[in-house]
Structure formats: C-alpha cells, structure tokens
C-alpha atoms as a PDB file:
ATOM      1  CA  UNK A   1     -40.177 129.722 -29.067  1.00  0.00           C
ATOM      2  CA  UNK A   2     -37.333 128.393 -30.600  1.00  0.00           C
ATOM      3  CA  UNK A   3     -33.583 129.039 -29.701  1.00  0.00           C
ATOM      4  CA  UNK A   4     -30.433 128.879 -31.541  1.00  0.00           C
ATOM      5  CA  UNK A   5     -27.537 128.837 -29.659  1.00  0.00           C
ATOM      6  CA  UNK A   6     -27.402 130.548 -26.115  1.00  0.00           C
ATOM      7  CA  UNK A   7     -28.125 134.234 -27.660  1.00  0.00           C
ATOM      8  CA  UNK A   8     -30.675 133.670 -30.277  1.00  0.00           C
ATOM      9  CA  UNK A   9     -34.542 133.126 -30.005  1.00  0.00           C
ATOM     10  CA  UNK A  10     -37.230 132.765 -32.712  1.00  0.00           C
ATOM     11  CA  UNK A  11     -40.793 133.445 -32.467  1.00  0.00           C
ATOM     12  CA  UNK A  12     -43.204 132.541 -35.038  1.00  0.00           C
ATOM     13  CA  UNK A  13     -46.442 134.294 -35.082  1.00  0.00           C
ATOM     14  CA  UNK A  14     -49.770 133.014 -36.633  1.00  0.00           C
ATOM     15  CA  UNK A  15     -50.029 136.220 -38.935  1.00  0.00           C
ATOM     16  CA  UNK A  16     -46.608 134.553 -40.699  1.00  0.00           C
ATOM     17  CA  UNK A  17     -44.487 137.035 -38.916  1.00  0.00           C
ATOM     18  CA  UNK A  18     -41.170 135.673 -37.576  1.00  0.00           C
ATOM     19  CA  UNK A  19     -39.567 137.897 -34.760  1.00  0.00           C
ATOM     20  CA  UNK A  20     -35.850 136.941 -34.165  1.00  0.00           C
ATOM     21  CA  UNK A  21     -33.782 138.149 -31.260  1.00  0.00           C
ATOM     22  CA  UNK A  22     -30.143 138.376 -30.717  1.00  0.00           C
ATOM     23  CA  UNK A  23     -28.820 139.148 -27.148  1.00  0.00           C
ATOM     24  CA  UNK A  24     -25.583 141.033 -27.454  1.00  0.00           C
ATOM     25  CA  UNK A  25     -23.813 139.604 -24.251  1.00  0.00           C
ATOM     26  CA  UNK A  26     -24.454 136.819 -21.528  1.00  0.00           C
ATOM     27  CA  UNK A  27     -21.187 137.055 -20.038  1.00  0.00           C
ATOM     28  CA  UNK A  28     -21.404 139.099 -16.810  1.00  0.00           C
ATOM     29  CA  UNK A  29     -17.951 138.992 -15.567  1.00  0.00           C
ATOM     30  CA  UNK A  30     -16.734 140.517 -18.959  1.00  0.00           C
ATOM     31  CA  UNK A  31     -19.662 143.004 -18.349  1.00  0.00           C
ATOM     32  CA  UNK A  32     -18.170 143.885 -14.944  1.00  0.00           C
ATOM     33  CA  UNK A  33     -14.691 144.183 -16.232  1.00  0.00           C
ATOM     34  CA  UNK A  34     -16.164 146.586 -19.078  1.00  0.00           C
ATOM     35  CA  UNK A  35     -17.554 148.627 -16.492  1.00  0.00           C
ATOM     36  CA  UNK A  36     -14.433 148.664 -14.498  1.00  0.00           C
ATOM     37  CA  UNK A  37     -12.451 149.843 -17.274  1.00  0.00           C
ATOM     38  CA  UNK A  38     -15.079 152.446 -18.398  1.00  0.00           C
ATOM     39  CA  UNK A  39     -14.978 153.787 -14.474  1.00  0.00           C
ATOM     40  CA  UNK A  40     -11.157 154.033 -14.757  1.00  0.00           C
ATOM     41  CA  UNK A  41     -11.117 155.738 -17.859  1.00  0.00           C
ATOM     42  CA  UNK A  42     -13.597 158.336 -16.951  1.00  0.00           C
ATOM     43  CA  UNK A  43     -11.630 159.070 -13.275  1.00  0.00           C
ATOM     44  CA  UNK A  44      -8.309 159.362 -15.096  1.00  0.00           C
ATOM     45  CA  UNK A  45      -9.896 161.751 -17.801  1.00  0.00           C
ATOM     46  CA  UNK A  46     -11.496 163.800 -14.883  1.00  0.00           C
ATOM     47  CA  UNK A  47      -8.163 163.869 -13.004  1.00  0.00           C
ATOM     48  CA  UNK A  48      -6.098 164.929 -15.868  1.00  0.00           C
ATOM     49  CA  UNK A  49      -9.096 167.686 -17.121  1.00  0.00           C
ATOM     50  CA  UNK A  50      -8.649 169.008 -13.531  1.00  0.00           C
ATOM     51  CA  UNK A  51      -4.660 169.519 -13.955  1.00  0.00           C
ATOM     52  CA  UNK A  52      -5.386 171.892 -17.024  1.00  0.00           C
ATOM     53  CA  UNK A  53      -6.450 174.640 -15.103  1.00  0.00           C
ATOM     54  CA  UNK A  54      -3.348 174.415 -12.719  1.00  0.00           C
ATOM     55  CA  UNK A  55      -1.008 174.417 -15.636  1.00  0.00           C
ATOM     56  CA  UNK A  56       0.377 177.919 -16.976  1.00  0.00           C
ATOM     57  CA  UNK A  57       2.549 176.771 -19.723  1.00  0.00           C
ATOM     58  CA  UNK A  58       0.799 177.272 -23.043  1.00  0.00           C
ATOM     59  CA  UNK A  59       2.695 174.383 -24.944  1.00  0.00           C
ATOM     60  CA  UNK A  60       1.662 171.932 -22.213  1.00  0.00           C
ATOM     61  CA  UNK A  61      -2.136 173.079 -22.037  1.00  0.00           C
ATOM     62  CA  UNK A  62      -2.340 172.559 -26.070  1.00  0.00           C
ATOM     63  CA  UNK A  63      -0.983 168.826 -25.366  1.00  0.00           C
ATOM     64  CA  UNK A  64      -3.509 168.292 -22.742  1.00  0.00           C
ATOM     65  CA  UNK A  65      -6.118 169.514 -24.886  1.00  0.00           C
ATOM     66  CA  UNK A  66      -5.272 167.122 -27.672  1.00  0.00           C
ATOM     67  CA  UNK A  67      -4.802 164.251 -25.410  1.00  0.00           C
ATOM     68  CA  UNK A  68      -8.156 164.992 -23.833  1.00  0.00           C
ATOM     69  CA  UNK A  69      -9.561 164.802 -27.687  1.00  0.00           C
ATOM     70  CA  UNK A  70      -8.321 161.101 -27.806  1.00  0.00           C
ATOM     71  CA  UNK A  71      -9.658 160.345 -24.353  1.00  0.00           C
ATOM     72  CA  UNK A  72     -13.111 161.988 -25.241  1.00  0.00           C
ATOM     73  CA  UNK A  73     -13.124 159.755 -28.182  1.00  0.00           C
ATOM     74  CA  UNK A  74     -12.371 156.465 -26.386  1.00  0.00           C
ATOM     75  CA  UNK A  75     -14.642 157.515 -23.263  1.00  0.00           C
ATOM     76  CA  UNK A  76     -17.675 157.649 -26.021  1.00  0.00           C
ATOM     77  CA  UNK A  77     -16.399 154.213 -27.570  1.00  0.00           C
ATOM     78  CA  UNK A  78     -16.361 152.641 -24.283  1.00  0.00           C
ATOM     79  CA  UNK A  79     -19.505 153.979 -23.169  1.00  0.00           C
ATOM     80  CA  UNK A  80     -21.301 152.959 -26.321  1.00  0.00           C
ATOM     81  CA  UNK A  81     -19.618 149.340 -26.000  1.00  0.00           C
ATOM     82  CA  UNK A  82     -20.833 148.931 -22.328  1.00  0.00           C
ATOM     83  CA  UNK A  83     -24.419 150.448 -22.914  1.00  0.00           C
ATOM     84  CA  UNK A  84     -24.513 147.617 -26.195  1.00  0.00           C
ATOM     85  CA  UNK A  85     -23.334 144.739 -23.927  1.00  0.00           C
ATOM     86  CA  UNK A  86     -25.393 145.612 -21.014  1.00  0.00           C
ATOM     87  CA  UNK A  87     -28.703 146.701 -22.708  1.00  0.00           C
ATOM     88  CA  UNK A  88     -28.344 146.001 -26.480  1.00  0.00           C
ATOM     89  CA  UNK A  89     -30.041 143.500 -28.600  1.00  0.00           C
ATOM     90  CA  UNK A  90     -30.563 142.957 -32.248  1.00  0.00           C
ATOM     91  CA  UNK A  91     -33.771 142.612 -33.354  1.00  0.00           C
ATOM     92  CA  UNK A  92     -34.954 140.873 -36.725  1.00  0.00           C
ATOM     93  CA  UNK A  93     -38.544 140.486 -38.132  1.00  0.00           C
ATOM     94  CA  UNK A  94     -39.661 138.894 -41.324  1.00  0.00           C
ATOM     95  CA  UNK A  95     -43.060 139.701 -42.214  1.00  0.00           C
ATOM     96  CA  UNK A  96     -44.832 140.662 -45.504  1.00  0.00           C
ATOM     97  CA  UNK A  97     -41.884 140.015 -47.719  1.00  0.00           C
ATOM     98  CA  UNK A  98     -39.777 142.320 -45.845  1.00  0.00           C
ATOM     99  CA  UNK A  99     -36.848 142.080 -43.468  1.00  0.00           C
ATOM    100  CA  UNK A 100     -36.921 144.547 -40.495  1.00  0.00           C
ATOM    101  CA  UNK A 101     -33.443 145.150 -38.692  1.00  0.00           C
ATOM    102  CA  UNK A 102     -33.053 146.957 -35.514  1.00  0.00           C
ATOM    103  CA  UNK A 103     -30.055 147.413 -33.088  1.00  0.00           C
ATOM    104  CA  UNK A 104     -31.778 148.228 -30.066  1.00  0.00           C
ATOM    105  CA  UNK A 105     -30.350 149.633 -26.874  1.00  0.00           C
ATOM    106  CA  UNK A 106     -33.064 150.169 -24.224  1.00  0.00           C
ATOM    107  CA  UNK A 107     -35.397 150.780 -26.840  1.00  0.00           C
ATOM    108  CA  UNK A 108     -33.421 153.148 -29.004  1.00  0.00           C
ATOM    109  CA  UNK A 109     -32.471 152.583 -32.384  1.00  0.00           C
ATOM    110  CA  UNK A 110     -33.198 153.082 -35.960  1.00  0.00           C
ATOM    111  CA  UNK A 111     -35.089 150.465 -37.840  1.00  0.00           C
ATOM    112  CA  UNK A 112     -34.101 149.165 -41.403  1.00  0.00           C
ATOM    113  CA  UNK A 113     -36.412 147.815 -43.764  1.00  0.00           C
ATOM    114  CA  UNK A 114     -35.268 145.694 -46.367  1.00  0.00           C
ATOM    115  CA  UNK A 115     -37.529 144.180 -49.172  1.00  0.00           C
ATOM    116  CA  UNK A 116     -36.907 140.263 -49.876  1.00  0.00           C
ATOM    117  CA  UNK A 117     -37.010 140.885 -53.514  1.00  0.00           C
ATOM    118  CA  UNK A 118     -33.855 143.290 -53.338  1.00  0.00           C
ATOM    119  CA  UNK A 119     -31.948 141.132 -51.027  1.00  0.00           C
ATOM    120  CA  UNK A 120     -29.089 139.431 -52.860  1.00  0.00           C
ATOM    121  CA  UNK A 121     -26.196 137.037 -52.262  1.00  0.00           C
ATOM    122  CA  UNK A 122     -27.242 136.204 -48.410  1.00  0.00           C
ATOM    123  CA  UNK A 123     -24.520 134.576 -46.929  1.00  0.00           C
ATOM    124  CA  UNK A 124     -22.124 134.132 -43.791  1.00  0.00           C
ATOM    125  CA  UNK A 125     -18.863 135.831 -43.648  1.00  0.00           C
ATOM    126  CA  UNK A 126     -15.981 133.435 -43.199  1.00  0.00           C
ATOM    127  CA  UNK A 127     -13.564 133.927 -40.290  1.00  0.00           C
ATOM    128  CA  UNK A 128      -9.608 134.446 -41.172  1.00  0.00           C
ATOM    129  CA  UNK A 129      -8.263 133.038 -37.708  1.00  0.00           C
ATOM    130  CA  UNK A 130      -5.158 134.471 -37.495  1.00  0.00           C
ATOM    131  CA  UNK A 131      -6.303 138.405 -38.812  1.00  0.00           C
ATOM    132  CA  UNK A 132      -5.364 141.147 -36.409  1.00  0.00           C
ATOM    133  CA  UNK A 133      -8.797 143.131 -37.955  1.00  0.00           C
ATOM    134  CA  UNK A 134     -10.675 139.863 -37.207  1.00  0.00           C
ATOM    135  CA  UNK A 135      -9.465 139.721 -33.743  1.00  0.00           C
ATOM    136  CA  UNK A 136     -10.106 143.225 -32.964  1.00  0.00           C
ATOM    137  CA  UNK A 137     -13.675 142.748 -34.280  1.00  0.00           C
ATOM    138  CA  UNK A 138     -14.589 139.692 -31.996  1.00  0.00           C
ATOM    139  CA  UNK A 139     -13.071 141.641 -28.924  1.00  0.00           C
ATOM    140  CA  UNK A 140     -15.621 142.018 -26.321  1.00  0.00           C
ATOM    141  CA  UNK A 141     -15.163 145.983 -25.958  1.00  0.00           C
ATOM    142  CA  UNK A 142     -16.052 146.541 -29.932  1.00  0.00           C
ATOM    143  CA  UNK A 143     -19.484 146.575 -31.787  1.00  0.00           C
ATOM    144  CA  UNK A 144     -18.630 144.590 -34.791  1.00  0.00           C
ATOM    145  CA  UNK A 145     -17.879 141.384 -36.028  1.00  0.00           C
ATOM    146  CA  UNK A 146     -20.895 140.667 -37.971  1.00  0.00           C
ATOM    147  CA  UNK A 147     -21.239 137.252 -39.422  1.00  0.00           C
ATOM    148  CA  UNK A 148     -24.102 137.582 -41.731  1.00  0.00           C
ATOM    149  CA  UNK A 149     -23.952 139.708 -44.862  1.00  0.00           C
ATOM    150  CA  UNK A 150     -26.327 140.498 -47.937  1.00  0.00           C
ATOM    151  CA  UNK A 151     -26.333 142.900 -50.884  1.00  0.00           C
ATOM    152  CA  UNK A 152     -29.292 145.397 -50.962  1.00  0.00           C
ATOM    153  CA  UNK A 153     -29.324 147.722 -53.794  1.00  0.00           C
ATOM    154  CA  UNK A 154     -25.332 147.500 -54.521  1.00  0.00           C
ATOM    155  CA  UNK A 155     -24.585 147.956 -50.374  1.00  0.00           C
ATOM    156  CA  UNK A 156     -23.401 145.514 -48.241  1.00  0.00           C
ATOM    157  CA  UNK A 157     -25.728 144.945 -45.097  1.00  0.00           C
ATOM    158  CA  UNK A 158     -24.159 142.891 -41.975  1.00  0.00           C
ATOM    159  CA  UNK A 159     -25.855 141.584 -39.235  1.00  0.00           C
ATOM    160  CA  UNK A 160     -25.664 139.112 -36.534  1.00  0.00           C
ATOM    161  CA  UNK A 161     -22.885 140.586 -34.093  1.00  0.00           C
ATOM    162  CA  UNK A 162     -20.144 138.163 -33.010  1.00  0.00           C
ATOM    163  CA  UNK A 163     -22.207 135.222 -33.445  1.00  0.00           C
ATOM    164  CA  UNK A 164     -20.680 131.657 -33.285  1.00  0.00           C
ATOM    165  CA  UNK A 165     -20.154 130.078 -36.695  1.00  0.00           C
ATOM    166  CA  UNK A 166     -22.614 127.415 -36.067  1.00  0.00           C
ATOM    167  CA  UNK A 167     -25.264 129.997 -34.753  1.00  0.00           C
ATOM    168  CA  UNK A 168     -24.585 132.233 -37.813  1.00  0.00           C
ATOM    169  CA  UNK A 169     -25.517 129.017 -40.104  1.00  0.00           C
ATOM    170  CA  UNK A 170     -28.378 128.191 -38.524  1.00  0.00           C
ATOM    171  CA  UNK A 171     -29.600 131.603 -38.488  1.00  0.00           C
ATOM    172  CA  UNK A 172     -29.006 132.001 -41.978  1.00  0.00           C
ATOM    173  CA  UNK A 173     -30.975 128.876 -42.859  1.00  0.00           C
ATOM    174  CA  UNK A 174     -34.019 130.451 -40.860  1.00  0.00           C
ATOM    175  CA  UNK A 175     -33.673 133.711 -42.563  1.00  0.00           C
ATOM    176  CA  UNK A 176     -33.629 132.296 -46.030  1.00  0.00           C
ATOM    177  CA  UNK A 177     -36.279 129.540 -45.365  1.00  0.00           C
ATOM    178  CA  UNK A 178     -38.608 132.503 -44.636  1.00  0.00           C
ATOM    179  CA  UNK A 179     -37.622 134.427 -47.405  1.00  0.00           C
ATOM    180  CA  UNK A 180     -38.296 131.381 -49.647  1.00  0.00           C
ATOM    181  CA  UNK A 181     -42.157 131.487 -48.059  1.00  0.00           C
ATOM    182  CA  UNK A 182     -42.498 135.267 -49.062  1.00  0.00           C
ATOM    183  CA  UNK A 183     -45.197 135.288 -46.528  1.00  0.00           C
END
C-alpha cells in the first residue's frame, strides 16, 4: 500500500488493478463543529415549524412557509455535507483500460466508468487564491473543490475533492502512469 499525503492510499494488485481511495476528511474538530451546526439548524427549524400552527395571520403563515422552504434546502445541504465528511470516500479503480469512479458514502453511491481511450486532456485545476467562489468551494461544509479534471466525450469530469495541490499533482502522475500501461 502506498500513500500520497494524509488522505490518499493506493493499492496495486497482481491482476494489474490499482485501487485508489481518497478520504473526505481527517479533521475531527471540524466534524464536531459541522455536527453542532447541523444540530442547531435542525432544532431551530423544528422550533419555527411548531410556531406555524400558533399563527393565525395568513401573510405571516406564507412568509413562514417560504422561510421553511429555505431552511429545508439548507438542512439537506448541511446533512449531506456532514454525511460526506463523516462517512464519505472517493474510490477510483484503474483496471482493464477503464477508470471506475465512485463517491461512496457508507457504501452508497453510483459508479461511473470511463474508458482510457476517451479520456482527454487530464490535468489539475489551478487554484485562484483570491477568488470568492474558490474559497467557498474549498470550505469544509461544501462538497466541491475538485482538483483533477479530464474531458470525456466533450464533458468535463472532476475528481479529487479538496485535495492539496501537491497531492493532486502526485495523484495525477499515478493515474496517467497507469493509463499509459493500458493494462
């Protein structure tokens, strides 16, 4: 077993299969803070929901329904981020001239299959230090900020969520090395 940084492990098997696992998180303090945020957000939404039935004014009820719609959306996003950080991993398998990719959360996730012959222009994404969007994508509560991208049938496919630049570069070398072998 080889390791790249603190989050990436690579296992090379005898049948020319390479398995790469990228952990979603290693920071327990941030996981606890994210859980505290999720808990507080859930409790506040439940409190507001219970007040809906005590209100008699129609305009206020409509405003509360709109607020609850926004609350529900962010409840879903926070829950999804918490589950990703707690139980999520990215799994990449390189075998038989194919790249298999899965965002796995507790054994659930869809496997995407990409044939080496149709993967074009594989590269790392350059970070923009002062970009607002870049800072949001690299924040702990967001599942974004992929660092490796390739073109596949005209579509950009992104992998390697919030990897360090050096780790992304090393992972890119491993993937391109395996792709050059074809077996």
